[in-house]
């Protein structure tokens, strides 16, 4: 029997807990016949952009910093690593530098950590919290905002379709080997004391009853992720005072064990603490990364575009 983090470190994490709110997909009988969806553009003819039912629940969220050495991507679904980036803060305003420099740093880190044959950055998103967030201005934001709704980034089936789309004739050979999809999450400024990321210890997530596939509808592509029902058995963690060299690596897909160690996550408001000093609006970049293990010659491909 695998122990979750708190049981592995009895009594230590209780003092590190903060009480805050996470957003979940509400339990409802309509999900028996209707699939949750969200359209990532404004649909025509007033069609509803989403059918989500959202519930908010107060939860304890524990600081994982004391447990970093014992974290396991295979068991808990997330780990903490370092990327000493050549990128300065200002460089992240340049999409080409992100592609040429930062994505390569991510590839190198993930390939080393996971001992993969090939690693490919699918995409990345800059998030800079607007001063009005979480209250909407009614206008489009220039950057992505923290995502409050707990979710898993992508499903195995959707990942397989993405591989077929970008790798073409080489895809079936790739899919004979193990594939993972992980996210690498890095703050641009630190320490993070504003809307940090909460991650669910995968050993406490009931995949059968609390994980619901959901469609993410782009103009040219329909992807699939998973939304999360609240369960009091879930154990949530964040990395207190995360600095820009610290990256969270967390798993969405593993073709060898897709029912286990998938990391649900979402952002939450960190309770104010006057002893913590200046609180900067959160700025971060998250990269979704394909991790492949088939022993073959991999073709050069372009970043995936939705």
C-alpha atoms as a PDB file:
ATOM      1  CA  UNK A   1       0.000   0.000   0.000  1.00  0.00           C
ATOM      2  CA  UNK A   2       1.412   3.378  -1.029  1.00  0.00           C
ATOM      3  CA  UNK A   3       1.436   6.038   1.645  1.00  0.00           C
ATOM      4  CA  UNK A   4       0.520   9.578   0.730  1.00  0.00           C
ATOM      5  CA  UNK A   5       2.831  12.404   1.702  1.00  0.00           C
ATOM      6  CA  UNK A   6       1.177  13.325   4.976  1.00  0.00           C
ATOM      7  CA  UNK A   7       1.359   9.767   6.281  1.00  0.00           C
ATOM      8  CA  UNK A   8       5.000   9.583   5.245  1.00  0.00           C
ATOM      9  CA  UNK A   9       5.710  12.714   7.314  1.00  0.00           C
ATOM     10  CA  UNK A  10       3.321  12.438  10.298  1.00  0.00           C
ATOM     11  CA  UNK A  11       2.670  15.610  12.226  1.00  0.00           C
ATOM     12  CA  UNK A  12       5.126  17.760  10.285  1.00  0.00           C
ATOM     13  CA  UNK A  13       2.798  19.096   7.628  1.00  0.00           C
ATOM     14  CA  UNK A  14      -0.075  20.144   9.912  1.00  0.00           C
ATOM     15  CA  UNK A  15       1.654  23.376  10.899  1.00  0.00           C
ATOM     16  CA  UNK A  16       2.304  24.225   7.243  1.00  0.00           C
ATOM     17  CA  UNK A  17      -1.342  24.076   6.171  1.00  0.00           C
ATOM     18  CA  UNK A  18      -3.242  27.096   4.942  1.00  0.00           C
ATOM     19  CA  UNK A  19      -7.013  27.176   4.694  1.00  0.00           C
ATOM     20  CA  UNK A  20      -8.248  28.365   1.332  1.00  0.00           C
ATOM     21  CA  UNK A  21     -10.746  27.681  -1.445  1.00  0.00           C
ATOM     22  CA  UNK A  22     -10.504  25.541  -4.565  1.00  0.00           C
ATOM     23  CA  UNK A  23     -13.057  25.260  -7.370  1.00  0.00           C
ATOM     24  CA  UNK A  24     -14.451  21.884  -8.450  1.00  0.00           C
ATOM     25  CA  UNK A  25     -16.932  20.466 -10.924  1.00  0.00           C
ATOM     26  CA  UNK A  26     -20.198  20.036  -9.067  1.00  0.00           C
ATOM     27  CA  UNK A  27     -21.717  16.584  -8.829  1.00  0.00           C
ATOM     28  CA  UNK A  28     -24.917  16.486 -10.875  1.00  0.00           C
ATOM     29  CA  UNK A  29     -27.071  13.822 -12.486  1.00  0.00           C
ATOM     30  CA  UNK A  30     -26.764  15.534 -15.876  1.00  0.00           C
ATOM     31  CA  UNK A  31     -23.174  14.271 -16.195  1.00  0.00           C
ATOM     32  CA  UNK A  32     -24.642  10.785 -16.669  1.00  0.00           C
ATOM     33  CA  UNK A  33     -25.803  11.828 -20.167  1.00  0.00           C
ATOM     34  CA  UNK A  34     -23.950  15.068 -20.883  1.00  0.00           C
ATOM     35  CA  UNK A  35     -20.226  15.683 -21.144  1.00  0.00           C
ATOM     36  CA  UNK A  36     -18.738  18.836 -19.605  1.00  0.00           C
ATOM     37  CA  UNK A  37     -17.283  21.207 -22.192  1.00  0.00           C
ATOM     38  CA  UNK A  38     -15.735  24.620 -22.566  1.00  0.00           C
ATOM     39  CA  UNK A  39     -15.363  26.533 -25.839  1.00  0.00           C
ATOM     40  CA  UNK A  40     -12.114  28.519 -25.968  1.00  0.00           C
ATOM     41  CA  UNK A  41     -13.551  31.188 -28.269  1.00  0.00           C
ATOM     42  CA  UNK A  42     -16.828  33.095 -28.431  1.00  0.00           C
ATOM     43  CA  UNK A  43     -19.314  30.767 -30.172  1.00  0.00           C
ATOM     44  CA  UNK A  44     -21.785  31.955 -32.767  1.00  0.00           C
ATOM     45  CA  UNK A  45     -25.531  32.359 -32.269  1.00  0.00           C
ATOM     46  CA  UNK A  46     -25.305  32.729 -28.507  1.00  0.00           C
ATOM     47  CA  UNK A  47     -24.435  29.073 -27.939  1.00  0.00           C
ATOM     48  CA  UNK A  48     -23.362  28.599 -24.288  1.00  0.00           C
ATOM     49  CA  UNK A  49     -19.586  28.774 -23.941  1.00  0.00           C
ATOM     50  CA  UNK A  50     -19.644  26.117 -21.211  1.00  0.00           C
ATOM     51  CA  UNK A  51     -22.015  23.837 -19.319  1.00  0.00           C
ATOM     52  CA  UNK A  52     -19.905  23.622 -16.157  1.00  0.00           C
ATOM     53  CA  UNK A  53     -21.487  23.550 -12.717  1.00  0.00           C
ATOM     54  CA  UNK A  54     -18.884  24.958 -10.336  1.00  0.00           C
ATOM     55  CA  UNK A  55     -18.651  24.368  -6.593  1.00  0.00           C
ATOM     56  CA  UNK A  56     -16.147  25.966  -4.253  1.00  0.00           C
ATOM     57  CA  UNK A  57     -14.874  24.135  -1.203  1.00  0.00           C
ATOM     58  CA  UNK A  58     -12.587  25.173   1.623  1.00  0.00           C
ATOM     59  CA  UNK A  59      -9.648  22.806   1.968  1.00  0.00           C
ATOM     60  CA  UNK A  60      -6.370  22.543   3.847  1.00  0.00           C
ATOM     61  CA  UNK A  61      -3.431  23.073   1.487  1.00  0.00           C
ATOM     62  CA  UNK A  62      -0.056  21.950   2.832  1.00  0.00           C
ATOM     63  CA  UNK A  63       3.376  23.350   2.042  1.00  0.00           C
ATOM     64  CA  UNK A  64       5.298  20.587   0.250  1.00  0.00           C
ATOM     65  CA  UNK A  65       8.709  22.189   0.810  1.00  0.00           C
ATOM     66  CA  UNK A  66       9.589  19.942   3.750  1.00  0.00           C
ATOM     67  CA  UNK A  67       8.730  16.861   1.677  1.00  0.00           C
ATOM     68  CA  UNK A  68      10.552  17.683  -1.591  1.00  0.00           C
ATOM     69  CA  UNK A  69      13.066  14.795  -1.287  1.00  0.00           C
ATOM     70  CA  UNK A  70      10.269  12.246  -0.808  1.00  0.00           C
ATOM     71  CA  UNK A  71       8.056  13.414  -3.680  1.00  0.00           C
ATOM     72  CA  UNK A  72       7.659  11.017  -6.591  1.00  0.00           C
ATOM     73  CA  UNK A  73       6.157  11.641 -10.010  1.00  0.00           C
ATOM     74  CA  UNK A  74       5.321   7.934 -10.173  1.00  0.00           C
ATOM     75  CA  UNK A  75       3.563   7.895  -6.788  1.00  0.00           C
ATOM     76  CA  UNK A  76       2.348  11.417  -5.974  1.00  0.00           C
ATOM     77  CA  UNK A  77       2.122  12.774  -9.520  1.00  0.00           C
ATOM     78  CA  UNK A  78       4.475  15.724  -9.009  1.00  0.00           C
ATOM     79  CA  UNK A  79       8.044  16.665  -8.148  1.00  0.00           C
ATOM     80  CA  UNK A  80      10.097  19.837  -7.666  1.00  0.00           C
ATOM     81  CA  UNK A  81      13.210  20.494  -9.754  1.00  0.00           C
ATOM     82  CA  UNK A  82      15.413  23.432 -10.701  1.00  0.00           C
ATOM     83  CA  UNK A  83      16.011  25.128 -14.031  1.00  0.00           C
ATOM     84  CA  UNK A  84      18.677  27.818 -13.858  1.00  0.00           C
ATOM     85  CA  UNK A  85      17.398  29.597 -16.935  1.00  0.00           C
ATOM     86  CA  UNK A  86      19.468  31.800 -19.220  1.00  0.00           C
ATOM     87  CA  UNK A  87      16.271  33.790 -19.735  1.00  0.00           C
ATOM     88  CA  UNK A  88      15.917  37.101 -17.935  1.00  0.00           C
ATOM     89  CA  UNK A  89      12.468  38.261 -16.887  1.00  0.00           C
ATOM     90  CA  UNK A  90      12.207  40.608 -19.883  1.00  0.00           C
ATOM     91  CA  UNK A  91      13.081  37.790 -22.296  1.00  0.00           C
ATOM     92  CA  UNK A  92       9.773  36.054 -21.642  1.00  0.00           C
ATOM     93  CA  UNK A  93       8.079  38.834 -23.625  1.00  0.00           C
ATOM     94  CA  UNK A  94       9.713  37.364 -26.749  1.00  0.00           C
ATOM     95  CA  UNK A  95       7.866  34.263 -28.055  1.00  0.00           C
ATOM     96  CA  UNK A  96      10.841  33.284 -30.204  1.00  0.00           C
ATOM     97  CA  UNK A  97      13.183  33.285 -27.206  1.00  0.00           C
ATOM     98  CA  UNK A  98      10.701  31.167 -25.274  1.00  0.00           C
ATOM     99  CA  UNK A  99      10.687  28.668 -28.139  1.00  0.00           C
ATOM    100  CA  UNK A 100      14.429  28.673 -28.794  1.00  0.00           C
ATOM    101  CA  UNK A 101      15.839  29.033 -25.279  1.00  0.00           C
ATOM    102  CA  UNK A 102      13.325  28.275 -22.531  1.00  0.00           C
ATOM    103  CA  UNK A 103      11.616  25.352 -24.251  1.00  0.00           C
ATOM    104  CA  UNK A 104      15.034  23.812 -24.864  1.00  0.00           C
ATOM    105  CA  UNK A 105      15.870  24.201 -21.163  1.00  0.00           C
ATOM    106  CA  UNK A 106      12.583  22.486 -20.325  1.00  0.00           C
ATOM    107  CA  UNK A 107      13.346  19.657 -22.763  1.00  0.00           C
ATOM    108  CA  UNK A 108      16.792  19.133 -21.269  1.00  0.00           C
ATOM    109  CA  UNK A 109      15.445  19.080 -17.706  1.00  0.00           C
ATOM    110  CA  UNK A 110      12.559  16.706 -18.431  1.00  0.00           C
ATOM    111  CA  UNK A 111      14.694  14.355 -20.528  1.00  0.00           C
ATOM    112  CA  UNK A 112      17.216  14.104 -17.693  1.00  0.00           C
ATOM    113  CA  UNK A 113      14.653  13.719 -14.910  1.00  0.00           C
ATOM    114  CA  UNK A 114      12.564  11.111 -16.733  1.00  0.00           C
ATOM    115  CA  UNK A 115      15.348   9.388 -18.691  1.00  0.00           C
ATOM    116  CA  UNK A 116      13.324   9.666 -21.896  1.00  0.00           C
ATOM    117  CA  UNK A 117      14.276   8.869 -25.484  1.00  0.00           C
ATOM    118  CA  UNK A 118      12.602  12.014 -26.800  1.00  0.00           C
ATOM    119  CA  UNK A 119      10.927  15.084 -25.305  1.00  0.00           C
ATOM    120  CA  UNK A 120       8.834  17.596 -27.230  1.00  0.00           C
ATOM    121  CA  UNK A 121       7.328  20.831 -25.908  1.00  0.00           C
ATOM    122  CA  UNK A 122       3.765  20.970 -27.174  1.00  0.00           C
ATOM    123  CA  UNK A 123       3.021  24.527 -26.148  1.00  0.00           C
ATOM    124  CA  UNK A 124       3.497  27.047 -23.374  1.00  0.00           C
ATOM    125  CA  UNK A 125       1.354  29.783 -21.869  1.00  0.00           C
ATOM    126  CA  UNK A 126       2.315  32.940 -20.054  1.00  0.00           C
ATOM    127  CA  UNK A 127       0.030  33.924 -17.202  1.00  0.00           C
ATOM    128  CA  UNK A 128       0.118  37.366 -15.605  1.00  0.00           C
ATOM    129  CA  UNK A 129      -2.591  38.021 -13.065  1.00  0.00           C
ATOM    130  CA  UNK A 130      -4.604  41.126 -13.859  1.00  0.00           C
ATOM    131  CA  UNK A 131      -5.135  43.425 -10.900  1.00  0.00           C
ATOM    132  CA  UNK A 132      -8.904  42.854 -11.108  1.00  0.00           C
ATOM    133  CA  UNK A 133      -8.675  39.044 -11.026  1.00  0.00           C
ATOM    134  CA  UNK A 134     -10.662  37.037  -9.964  1.00  0.00           C
ATOM    135  CA  UNK A 135     -13.319  39.637 -10.770  1.00  0.00           C
ATOM    136  CA  UNK A 136     -13.749  39.820 -14.541  1.00  0.00           C
ATOM    137  CA  UNK A 137     -13.482  43.172 -16.302  1.00  0.00           C
ATOM    138  CA  UNK A 138     -15.639  41.913 -19.154  1.00  0.00           C
ATOM    139  CA  UNK A 139     -12.718  42.508 -21.514  1.00  0.00           C
ATOM    140  CA  UNK A 140     -10.190  40.072 -22.931  1.00  0.00           C
ATOM    141  CA  UNK A 141      -6.982  39.795 -20.921  1.00  0.00           C
ATOM    142  CA  UNK A 142      -3.598  40.240 -22.592  1.00  0.00           C
ATOM    143  CA  UNK A 143      -2.288  37.160 -20.770  1.00  0.00           C
ATOM    144  CA  UNK A 144      -3.718  33.980 -19.314  1.00  0.00           C
ATOM    145  CA  UNK A 145      -5.027  34.215 -15.766  1.00  0.00           C
ATOM    146  CA  UNK A 146      -4.672  31.726 -12.893  1.00  0.00           C
ATOM    147  CA  UNK A 147      -7.006  28.778 -13.425  1.00  0.00           C
ATOM    148  CA  UNK A 148      -9.084  28.273 -10.289  1.00  0.00           C
ATOM    149  CA  UNK A 149     -10.922  25.180 -11.541  1.00  0.00           C
ATOM    150  CA  UNK A 150      -9.222  21.951 -10.467  1.00  0.00           C
ATOM    151  CA  UNK A 151      -8.357  19.798 -13.453  1.00  0.00           C
ATOM    152  CA  UNK A 152      -5.932  17.397 -15.127  1.00  0.00           C
ATOM    153  CA  UNK A 153      -4.428  18.936 -18.255  1.00  0.00           C
ATOM    154  CA  UNK A 154      -5.092  16.249 -20.862  1.00  0.00           C
ATOM    155  CA  UNK A 155      -6.241  12.637 -21.256  1.00  0.00           C
ATOM    156  CA  UNK A 156      -4.395   9.678 -22.748  1.00  0.00           C
ATOM    157  CA  UNK A 157      -6.757   9.524 -25.722  1.00  0.00           C
ATOM    158  CA  UNK A 158      -6.283  13.217 -26.485  1.00  0.00           C
ATOM    159  CA  UNK A 159      -2.502  12.891 -26.151  1.00  0.00           C
ATOM    160  CA  UNK A 160      -2.494   9.996 -28.610  1.00  0.00           C
ATOM    161  CA  UNK A 161      -4.459  12.084 -31.116  1.00  0.00           C
ATOM    162  CA  UNK A 162      -2.036  14.994 -30.721  1.00  0.00           C
ATOM    163  CA  UNK A 163       0.905  12.660 -31.376  1.00  0.00           C
ATOM    164  CA  UNK A 164      -0.805  11.364 -34.522  1.00  0.00           C
ATOM    165  CA  UNK A 165      -1.428  14.924 -35.687  1.00  0.00           C
ATOM    166  CA  UNK A 166       2.105  16.240 -35.212  1.00  0.00           C
ATOM    167  CA  UNK A 167       4.157  13.096 -35.928  1.00  0.00           C
ATOM    168  CA  UNK A 168       2.146  11.745 -38.861  1.00  0.00           C
ATOM    169  CA  UNK A 169       3.455   8.437 -40.190  1.00  0.00           C
ATOM    170  CA  UNK A 170       5.886   8.072 -37.266  1.00  0.00           C
ATOM    171  CA  UNK A 171       3.099   8.221 -34.679  1.00  0.00           C
ATOM    172  CA  UNK A 172       2.172   4.539 -34.555  1.00  0.00           C
ATOM    173  CA  UNK A 173       5.776   3.537 -33.865  1.00  0.00           C
ATOM    174  CA  UNK A 174       5.958   6.167 -31.099  1.00  0.00           C
ATOM    175  CA  UNK A 175       2.728   4.885 -29.565  1.00  0.00           C
ATOM    176  CA  UNK A 176       4.155   1.372 -29.275  1.00  0.00           C
ATOM    177  CA  UNK A 177       6.388   2.735 -26.520  1.00  0.00           C
ATOM    178  CA  UNK A 178       5.530   4.419 -23.259  1.00  0.00           C
ATOM    179  CA  UNK A 179       4.286   8.003 -23.511  1.00  0.00           C
ATOM    180  CA  UNK A 180       3.770  10.631 -20.824  1.00  0.00           C
ATOM    181  CA  UNK A 181       2.459  14.150 -20.903  1.00  0.00           C
ATOM    182  CA  UNK A 182       3.728  16.399 -18.119  1.00  0.00           C
ATOM    183  CA  UNK A 183       3.461  20.083 -17.324  1.00  0.00           C
ATOM    184  CA  UNK A 184       6.423  22.189 -16.234  1.00  0.00           C
ATOM    185  CA  UNK A 185       5.275  25.201 -14.179  1.00  0.00           C
ATOM    186  CA  UNK A 186       7.656  28.060 -13.441  1.00  0.00           C
ATOM    187  CA  UNK A 187       7.110  31.489 -11.850  1.00  0.00           C
ATOM    188  CA  UNK A 188       8.633  34.472 -13.661  1.00  0.00           C
ATOM    189  CA  UNK A 189       8.959  36.401 -10.418  1.00  0.00           C
ATOM    190  CA  UNK A 190       9.273  35.256  -6.852  1.00  0.00           C
ATOM    191  CA  UNK A 191       8.735  34.351  -4.199  1.00  0.00           C
ATOM    192  CA  UNK A 192       5.211  33.311  -5.212  1.00  0.00           C
ATOM    193  CA  UNK A 193       2.779  34.579  -2.577  1.00  0.00           C
ATOM    194  CA  UNK A 194      -0.127  35.351  -4.884  1.00  0.00           C
ATOM    195  CA  UNK A 195      -2.433  32.682  -6.335  1.00  0.00           C
ATOM    196  CA  UNK A 196       0.057  29.770  -6.166  1.00  0.00           C
ATOM    197  CA  UNK A 197      -0.666  26.385  -7.662  1.00  0.00           C
ATOM    198  CA  UNK A 198      -2.254  23.642  -5.547  1.00  0.00           C
ATOM    199  CA  UNK A 199      -1.532  20.033  -6.529  1.00  0.00           C
ATOM    200  CA  UNK A 200      -3.406  16.951  -5.366  1.00  0.00           C
ATOM    201  CA  UNK A 201      -1.388  14.014  -4.063  1.00  0.00           C
ATOM    202  CA  UNK A 202      -2.337  11.366  -6.631  1.00  0.00           C
ATOM    203  CA  UNK A 203      -2.549   8.655  -3.972  1.00  0.00           C
ATOM    204  CA  UNK A 204      -5.553  10.508  -2.511  1.00  0.00           C
ATOM    205  CA  UNK A 205      -7.448  11.033  -5.787  1.00  0.00           C
ATOM    206  CA  UNK A 206     -10.344   8.674  -6.521  1.00  0.00           C
ATOM    207  CA  UNK A 207      -9.935   8.364 -10.289  1.00  0.00           C
ATOM    208  CA  UNK A 208     -13.085   6.277 -10.725  1.00  0.00           C
ATOM    209  CA  UNK A 209     -15.534   8.565  -8.927  1.00  0.00           C
ATOM    210  CA  UNK A 210     -13.953  12.027  -8.871  1.00  0.00           C
ATOM    211  CA  UNK A 211     -12.326  12.489 -12.307  1.00  0.00           C
ATOM    212  CA  UNK A 212     -14.584  13.503 -15.214  1.00  0.00           C
ATOM    213  CA  UNK A 213     -13.448  13.821 -18.875  1.00  0.00           C
ATOM    214  CA  UNK A 214     -14.261  17.215 -20.400  1.00  0.00           C
ATOM    215  CA  UNK A 215     -13.993  18.644 -23.923  1.00  0.00           C
ATOM    216  CA  UNK A 216     -11.855  21.724 -24.576  1.00  0.00           C
ATOM    217  CA  UNK A 217     -13.050  23.132 -27.893  1.00  0.00           C
ATOM    218  CA  UNK A 218     -10.675  25.243 -29.978  1.00  0.00           C
ATOM    219  CA  UNK A 219     -11.453  26.623 -33.429  1.00  0.00           C
ATOM    220  CA  UNK A 220      -9.500  23.867 -35.200  1.00  0.00           C
ATOM    221  CA  UNK A 221      -9.251  21.107 -32.625  1.00  0.00           C
ATOM    222  CA  UNK A 222     -11.141  19.454 -29.797  1.00  0.00           C
ATOM    223  CA  UNK A 223      -8.899  18.375 -26.923  1.00  0.00           C
ATOM    224  CA  UNK A 224      -9.924  16.495 -23.798  1.00  0.00           C
ATOM    225  CA  UNK A 225      -8.924  17.150 -20.216  1.00  0.00           C
ATOM    226  CA  UNK A 226     -10.440  16.073 -16.897  1.00  0.00           C
ATOM    227  CA  UNK A 227     -12.295  18.028 -14.241  1.00  0.00           C
ATOM    228  CA  UNK A 228     -12.379  17.095 -10.578  1.00  0.00           C
ATOM    229  CA  UNK A 229     -15.213  16.487  -8.116  1.00  0.00           C
ATOM    230  CA  UNK A 230     -14.513  17.472  -4.518  1.00  0.00           C
ATOM    231  CA  UNK A 231     -13.763  14.679  -2.077  1.00  0.00           C
ATOM    232  CA  UNK A 232     -12.717  15.280   1.517  1.00  0.00           C
ATOM    233  CA  UNK A 233     -10.139  12.478   1.183  1.00  0.00           C
ATOM    234  CA  UNK A 234      -8.107  14.535  -1.288  1.00  0.00           C
ATOM    235  CA  UNK A 235      -4.837  15.970   0.015  1.00  0.00           C
ATOM    236  CA  UNK A 236      -3.641  19.238  -1.547  1.00  0.00           C
ATOM    237  CA  UNK A 237      -0.140  20.769  -1.570  1.00  0.00           C
ATOM    238  CA  UNK A 238       1.605  23.941  -2.745  1.00  0.00           C
ATOM    239  CA  UNK A 239       5.233  25.067  -2.842  1.00  0.00           C
ATOM    240  CA  UNK A 240       5.569  27.904  -0.347  1.00  0.00           C
ATOM    241  CA  UNK A 241       7.593  30.919  -1.513  1.00  0.00           C
ATOM    242  CA  UNK A 242       8.437  29.240  -4.813  1.00  0.00           C
ATOM    243  CA  UNK A 243      11.242  31.095  -6.572  1.00  0.00           C
ATOM    244  CA  UNK A 244      11.823  31.434 -10.347  1.00  0.00           C
ATOM    245  CA  UNK A 245      14.482  28.721 -10.478  1.00  0.00           C
ATOM    246  CA  UNK A 246      12.124  26.142  -8.948  1.00  0.00           C
ATOM    247  CA  UNK A 247       9.823  24.316 -11.340  1.00  0.00           C
ATOM    248  CA  UNK A 248       6.915  22.030 -10.584  1.00  0.00           C
ATOM    249  CA  UNK A 249       6.779  19.003 -12.877  1.00  0.00           C
ATOM    250  CA  UNK A 250       3.460  17.191 -12.729  1.00  0.00           C
ATOM    251  CA  UNK A 251       1.920  14.354 -14.682  1.00  0.00           C
ATOM    252  CA  UNK A 252      -1.268  14.352 -16.741  1.00  0.00           C
ATOM    253  CA  UNK A 253      -0.823  11.161 -18.753  1.00  0.00           C
ATOM    254  CA  UNK A 254       1.142   7.934 -18.466  1.00  0.00           C
ATOM    255  CA  UNK A 255       0.310   5.203 -20.974  1.00  0.00           C
ATOM    256  CA  UNK A 256       1.671   2.529 -18.620  1.00  0.00           C
ATOM    257  CA  UNK A 257      -0.462   3.554 -15.631  1.00  0.00           C
ATOM    258  CA  UNK A 258      -3.062   6.052 -16.802  1.00  0.00           C
ATOM    259  CA  UNK A 259      -5.310   5.387 -13.817  1.00  0.00           C
ATOM    260  CA  UNK A 260      -2.594   6.325 -11.329  1.00  0.00           C
ATOM    261  CA  UNK A 261      -0.385   9.282 -10.427  1.00  0.00           C
ATOM    262  CA  UNK A 262      -2.233  11.833 -12.552  1.00  0.00           C
ATOM    263  CA  UNK A 263      -1.965  15.247 -10.962  1.00  0.00           C
ATOM    264  CA  UNK A 264      -5.073  17.348 -10.453  1.00  0.00           C
ATOM    265  CA  UNK A 265      -4.281  20.999  -9.826  1.00  0.00           C
ATOM    266  CA  UNK A 266      -5.706  24.508  -9.629  1.00  0.00           C
ATOM    267  CA  UNK A 267      -4.785  27.959  -8.358  1.00  0.00           C
ATOM    268  CA  UNK A 268      -5.970  29.337  -5.037  1.00  0.00           C
ATOM    269  CA  UNK A 269      -5.867  32.628  -3.114  1.00  0.00           C
ATOM    270  CA  UNK A 270      -3.151  32.452  -0.478  1.00  0.00           C
ATOM    271  CA  UNK A 271      -4.395  34.000   2.786  1.00  0.00           C
ATOM    272  CA  UNK A 272      -2.706  37.318   3.501  1.00  0.00           C
ATOM    273  CA  UNK A 273       0.146  37.266   6.003  1.00  0.00           C
ATOM    274  CA  UNK A 274       1.626  40.612   6.997  1.00  0.00           C
ATOM    275  CA  UNK A 275       4.925  38.932   7.893  1.00  0.00           C
ATOM    276  CA  UNK A 276       5.528  37.700   4.339  1.00  0.00           C
ATOM    277  CA  UNK A 277       6.599  41.032   2.843  1.00  0.00           C
ATOM    278  CA  UNK A 278       5.735  42.335  -0.616  1.00  0.00           C
ATOM    279  CA  UNK A 279       3.152  40.369  -2.585  1.00  0.00           C
ATOM    280  CA  UNK A 280       3.633  40.599  -6.353  1.00  0.00           C
ATOM    281  CA  UNK A 281       0.821  39.671  -8.778  1.00  0.00           C
ATOM    282  CA  UNK A 282       1.600  36.169  -9.956  1.00  0.00           C
ATOM    283  CA  UNK A 283       3.406  35.773 -13.261  1.00  0.00           C
ATOM    284  CA  UNK A 284       4.202  32.293 -14.523  1.00  0.00           C
ATOM    285  CA  UNK A 285       4.748  30.116 -17.563  1.00  0.00           C
ATOM    286  CA  UNK A 286       3.467  26.579 -17.944  1.00  0.00           C
ATOM    287  CA  UNK A 287       4.733  24.253 -20.664  1.00  0.00           C
ATOM    288  CA  UNK A 288       3.029  21.025 -21.706  1.00  0.00           C
ATOM    289  CA  UNK A 289       5.573  18.414 -22.655  1.00  0.00           C
ATOM    290  CA  UNK A 290       5.387  15.076 -24.471  1.00  0.00           C
ATOM    291  CA  UNK A 291       7.734  12.443 -23.045  1.00  0.00           C
ATOM    292  CA  UNK A 292       8.395   9.433 -25.289  1.00  0.00           C
ATOM    293  CA  UNK A 293      10.276   6.180 -24.805  1.00  0.00           C
ATOM    294  CA  UNK A 294      10.076   4.256 -28.097  1.00  0.00           C
ATOM    295  CA  UNK A 295      13.596   3.343 -29.259  1.00  0.00           C
ATOM    296  CA  UNK A 296      13.539   4.934 -32.718  1.00  0.00           C
ATOM    297  CA  UNK A 297      14.660   7.883 -34.811  1.00  0.00           C
ATOM    298  CA  UNK A 298      12.311  10.779 -34.042  1.00  0.00           C
ATOM    299  CA  UNK A 299      11.518  13.264 -36.833  1.00  0.00           C
ATOM    300  CA  UNK A 300      11.822  17.015 -36.309  1.00  0.00           C
ATOM    301  CA  UNK A 301       8.358  18.502 -35.776  1.00  0.00           C
ATOM    302  CA  UNK A 302       6.876  21.920 -35.156  1.00  0.00           C
ATOM    303  CA  UNK A 303       5.203  22.958 -31.865  1.00  0.00           C
ATOM    304  CA  UNK A 304       1.589  21.860 -31.701  1.00  0.00           C
ATOM    305  CA  UNK A 305      -0.911  24.580 -32.595  1.00  0.00           C
ATOM    306  CA  UNK A 306      -4.550  24.715 -31.541  1.00  0.00           C
END
